[in-house]
């Protein structure tokens, strides 16, 4: 969910022209589809790191 929010913020910044070239009219859906594989990879790595962190904690 956090990674998906990052994608939305990045696209918002591109839409306004804050980070990189502004998105052309009608390209928002294509940009989301282009960014999806990278977002899935980042989410998988974040999930794996979270699980490793939780497994290393000492139970009380």
N, C-alpha and C. Protein backbone atom coordinates (compact mmCIF):
# COMPACT_ATOMS: atom_id res chain seq x y z
N UNK A 1 0.82 -1.17 0.00
CA UNK A 1 0.00 0.00 0.00
C UNK A 1 0.88 1.25 0.00
N UNK A 2 1.94 1.21 0.77
CA UNK A 2 2.85 2.35 0.82
C UNK A 2 3.55 2.55 -0.53
N UNK A 3 3.91 1.46 -1.17
CA UNK A 3 4.59 1.55 -2.46
C UNK A 3 3.63 2.08 -3.53
N UNK A 4 2.39 1.64 -3.48
CA UNK A 4 1.38 2.15 -4.41
C UNK A 4 1.15 3.64 -4.23
N UNK A 5 1.17 4.08 -2.98
CA UNK A 5 1.05 5.51 -2.70
C UNK A 5 2.22 6.29 -3.27
N UNK A 6 3.41 5.68 -3.23
CA UNK A 6 4.58 6.31 -3.83
C UNK A 6 4.44 6.49 -5.33
N UNK A 7 3.83 5.49 -5.97
CA UNK A 7 3.58 5.60 -7.42
C UNK A 7 2.62 6.74 -7.71
N UNK A 8 1.57 6.85 -6.90
CA UNK A 8 0.60 7.93 -7.11
C UNK A 8 1.25 9.30 -6.91
N UNK A 9 2.08 9.43 -5.89
CA UNK A 9 2.77 10.71 -5.65
C UNK A 9 3.72 11.03 -6.80
N UNK A 10 4.44 10.02 -7.29
CA UNK A 10 5.36 10.26 -8.40
C UNK A 10 4.60 10.69 -9.66
N UNK A 11 3.48 10.05 -9.94
CA UNK A 11 2.69 10.44 -11.12
C UNK A 11 2.07 11.81 -10.94
N UNK A 12 1.68 12.15 -9.70
CA UNK A 12 1.16 13.48 -9.44
C UNK A 12 2.23 14.53 -9.72
N UNK A 13 3.45 14.26 -9.28
CA UNK A 13 4.55 15.18 -9.54
C UNK A 13 4.86 15.32 -11.02
N UNK A 14 4.79 14.21 -11.73
CA UNK A 14 5.01 14.28 -13.19
C UNK A 14 3.87 15.00 -13.88
N UNK A 15 2.64 14.81 -13.38
CA UNK A 15 1.47 15.44 -13.99
C UNK A 15 1.58 16.96 -13.89
N UNK A 16 2.08 17.44 -12.76
CA UNK A 16 2.25 18.89 -12.56
C UNK A 16 3.56 19.42 -13.12
N UNK A 17 4.44 18.54 -13.57
CA UNK A 17 5.73 18.97 -14.10
C UNK A 17 6.75 19.27 -13.02
N UNK A 18 6.53 18.76 -11.80
CA UNK A 18 7.47 19.01 -10.70
C UNK A 18 8.72 18.14 -10.82
N UNK A 19 8.53 16.87 -11.19
CA UNK A 19 9.64 15.92 -11.28
C UNK A 19 9.72 15.38 -12.69
N UNK A 20 10.54 15.99 -13.51
CA UNK A 20 10.70 15.53 -14.88
C UNK A 20 9.73 16.21 -15.82
N UNK A 21 9.69 15.69 -17.01
CA UNK A 21 8.82 16.27 -18.04
C UNK A 21 7.36 16.03 -17.69
N UNK A 22 6.50 17.01 -17.91
CA UNK A 22 5.08 16.81 -17.62
C UNK A 22 4.49 15.73 -18.52
N UNK A 23 3.49 15.03 -17.99
CA UNK A 23 2.83 13.98 -18.77
C UNK A 23 1.98 14.61 -19.87
N UNK A 24 1.99 13.99 -21.01
CA UNK A 24 1.16 14.46 -22.11
C UNK A 24 -0.30 14.13 -21.84
N UNK A 25 -1.18 14.81 -22.47
CA UNK A 25 -2.62 14.58 -22.31
C UNK A 25 -2.97 13.14 -22.70
N UNK A 26 -3.65 12.43 -21.82
CA UNK A 26 -4.09 11.08 -22.10
C UNK A 26 -3.04 10.01 -21.87
N UNK A 27 -1.91 10.32 -21.26
CA UNK A 27 -0.82 9.35 -21.06
C UNK A 27 -0.76 8.81 -19.64
N UNK A 28 -1.66 9.22 -18.76
CA UNK A 28 -1.58 8.81 -17.37
C UNK A 28 -1.73 7.30 -17.23
N UNK A 29 -2.69 6.70 -17.91
CA UNK A 29 -2.88 5.25 -17.84
C UNK A 29 -1.68 4.49 -18.37
N UNK A 30 -1.09 4.95 -19.44
CA UNK A 30 0.09 4.30 -20.00
C UNK A 30 1.28 4.41 -19.07
N UNK A 31 1.45 5.56 -18.42
CA UNK A 31 2.54 5.74 -17.47
C UNK A 31 2.37 4.82 -16.26
N UNK A 32 1.13 4.64 -15.80
CA UNK A 32 0.87 3.73 -14.69
C UNK A 32 1.21 2.30 -15.10
N UNK A 33 0.83 1.91 -16.29
CA UNK A 33 1.12 0.56 -16.77
C UNK A 33 2.63 0.35 -16.95
N UNK A 34 3.33 1.37 -17.39
CA UNK A 34 4.78 1.26 -17.57
C UNK A 34 5.51 1.15 -16.23
N UNK A 35 4.99 1.79 -15.20
CA UNK A 35 5.63 1.77 -13.90
C UNK A 35 5.27 0.56 -13.05
N UNK A 36 4.28 -0.20 -13.46
CA UNK A 36 3.79 -1.31 -12.65
C UNK A 36 4.83 -2.40 -12.38
N UNK A 37 5.62 -2.86 -13.34
CA UNK A 37 6.61 -3.91 -13.02
C UNK A 37 7.63 -3.46 -11.96
N UNK A 38 8.08 -2.24 -12.04
CA UNK A 38 9.03 -1.74 -11.05
C UNK A 38 8.40 -1.61 -9.67
N UNK A 39 7.15 -1.20 -9.63
CA UNK A 39 6.44 -1.07 -8.36
C UNK A 39 6.24 -2.43 -7.72
N UNK A 40 5.93 -3.44 -8.52
CA UNK A 40 5.75 -4.79 -7.98
C UNK A 40 7.07 -5.31 -7.40
N UNK A 41 8.17 -5.04 -8.07
CA UNK A 41 9.48 -5.46 -7.55
C UNK A 41 9.82 -4.76 -6.24
N UNK A 42 9.58 -3.47 -6.17
CA UNK A 42 9.86 -2.72 -4.94
C UNK A 42 8.98 -3.23 -3.80
N UNK A 43 7.71 -3.52 -4.08
CA UNK A 43 6.82 -4.03 -3.05
C UNK A 43 7.27 -5.40 -2.57
N UNK A 44 7.75 -6.25 -3.48
CA UNK A 44 8.23 -7.58 -3.09
C UNK A 44 9.47 -7.48 -2.20
N UNK A 45 10.40 -6.62 -2.55
CA UNK A 45 11.61 -6.46 -1.74
C UNK A 45 11.25 -5.87 -0.38
N UNK A 46 10.36 -4.90 -0.35
CA UNK A 46 9.95 -4.30 0.93
C UNK A 46 9.26 -5.34 1.82
N UNK A 47 8.44 -6.19 1.23
CA UNK A 47 7.78 -7.24 2.00
C UNK A 47 8.79 -8.24 2.55
N UNK A 48 9.75 -8.62 1.73
CA UNK A 48 10.77 -9.57 2.19
C UNK A 48 11.61 -8.96 3.31
N UNK A 49 11.99 -7.71 3.19
CA UNK A 49 12.75 -7.05 4.25
C UNK A 49 11.95 -6.95 5.54
N UNK A 50 10.68 -6.65 5.43
CA UNK A 50 9.83 -6.58 6.61
C UNK A 50 9.74 -7.94 7.30
N UNK A 51 9.56 -9.01 6.51
CA UNK A 51 9.48 -10.35 7.10
C UNK A 51 10.79 -10.76 7.77
N UNK A 52 11.91 -10.44 7.16
CA UNK A 52 13.20 -10.75 7.77
C UNK A 52 13.36 -9.97 9.08
N UNK A 53 12.97 -8.71 9.08
CA UNK A 53 13.04 -7.90 10.29
C UNK A 53 12.17 -8.50 11.40
N UNK A 54 10.96 -8.93 11.06
CA UNK A 54 10.06 -9.51 12.06
C UNK A 54 10.57 -10.85 12.58
N UNK A 55 11.21 -11.64 11.73
CA UNK A 55 11.72 -12.94 12.17
C UNK A 55 12.93 -12.77 13.08
N UNK A 56 13.69 -11.72 12.93
CA UNK A 56 14.90 -11.51 13.73
C UNK A 56 14.59 -10.95 15.11
N UNK A 57 13.40 -10.45 15.33
CA UNK A 57 13.04 -9.89 16.64
C UNK A 57 12.97 -11.01 17.67
N UNK A 58 13.42 -10.69 18.85
CA UNK A 58 13.39 -11.65 19.95
C UNK A 58 12.00 -11.60 20.60
N UNK A 59 11.31 -12.74 20.71
CA UNK A 59 9.99 -12.71 21.35
C UNK A 59 10.11 -12.41 22.84
N UNK A 60 9.15 -11.74 23.37
CA UNK A 60 9.18 -11.39 24.81
C UNK A 60 8.54 -12.46 25.64
